Protein backbone atom coordinates (compact mmCIF):
# COMPACT_ATOMS: atom_id res chain seq x y z
CA MET A 1 20.43 35.42 -0.48
CA ALA A 2 17.06 33.46 0.16
CA LYS A 3 13.83 35.29 -0.69
CA ARG A 4 11.36 35.56 2.15
CA LYS A 5 7.98 34.92 1.97
CA ASN A 6 5.44 37.56 2.81
CA PRO A 7 4.02 36.51 6.42
CA ALA A 8 0.59 37.64 5.65
CA ALA A 9 0.32 35.58 2.46
CA VAL A 10 1.47 32.70 4.32
CA ALA A 11 -1.00 32.89 6.88
CA LEU A 12 -3.67 33.37 4.32
CA GLY A 13 -2.76 30.41 2.57
CA LYS A 14 -2.77 28.15 5.86
CA ARG A 15 -6.26 29.56 6.53
CA GLY A 16 -7.38 28.42 3.06
CA ALA A 17 -5.72 25.07 3.32
CA LYS A 18 -7.44 24.48 6.65
CA ALA A 19 -10.90 25.52 5.36
CA ARG A 20 -10.48 23.25 2.30
CA MET A 21 -9.76 20.15 4.47
CA THR A 22 -12.86 20.88 6.59
CA LYS A 23 -14.96 20.88 3.45
CA LEU A 24 -13.60 17.52 2.19
CA THR A 25 -15.02 14.19 3.13
CA PRO A 26 -12.90 11.68 5.06
CA ALA A 27 -12.83 9.59 1.73
CA LYS A 28 -11.83 12.56 -0.36
CA ARG A 29 -8.84 13.74 2.24
CA SER A 30 -7.53 10.15 2.17
CA GLU A 31 -7.61 10.09 -1.62
CA VAL A 32 -5.83 13.54 -1.64
CA ALA A 33 -3.23 12.19 0.75
CA ARG A 34 -2.60 9.14 -1.16
CA THR A 35 -2.14 10.92 -4.23
CA ALA A 36 0.37 13.18 -2.64
CA ALA A 37 2.06 10.21 -1.20
CA VAL A 38 2.47 8.52 -4.81
CA ALA A 39 3.96 11.83 -6.12
CA ARG A 40 6.58 12.09 -3.18
CA TRP A 41 7.36 8.36 -3.60
CA LYS A 42 7.36 8.40 -7.66
CA ASP A 43 11.18 8.24 -7.94
CA LYS A 44 11.86 6.53 -4.82
CA PRO A 45 13.03 2.77 -4.36
CA ALA A 46 10.66 0.17 -5.47
CA ALA A 47 9.96 -1.26 -1.95
CA ALA A 48 8.26 1.89 -1.28
CA SER A 49 6.12 1.85 -4.39
CA ALA A 50 4.92 -1.63 -3.71
CA LYS A 51 3.51 -0.53 -0.43
CA VAL A 52 1.33 2.15 -2.44
CA ARG A 53 0.34 -0.49 -4.80
CA LYS A 54 -0.56 -2.94 -2.02
CA ALA A 55 -2.83 -0.13 -0.48
CA LYS A 56 -4.57 0.72 -3.80
CA ALA A 57 -5.23 -2.92 -4.21
CA ARG A 58 -6.87 -3.17 -0.81
CA LYS A 59 -8.82 -0.22 -1.47
CA LYS A 60 -10.06 -1.73 -4.98
CA ALA A 61 -10.96 -4.99 -3.26
CA LYS A 62 -13.08 -2.94 -0.76
CA GLY A 63 -14.85 -1.30 -3.28
CA GLU A 64 -14.10 2.07 -2.34
């Protein structure tokens, strides 16, 4: 039987995540999202990883 989450705790967590995102700069939010994408695609096919590497190379070339 699946364990249910406390609805009050879930709501509080969502509020915290929204508050954190509003405090981050757009560049930092992008970095967080990119890091999450890399973690999600870590064990996926090489084609997906190549896209992430190309995106990182473009960012580095721009000097961000």
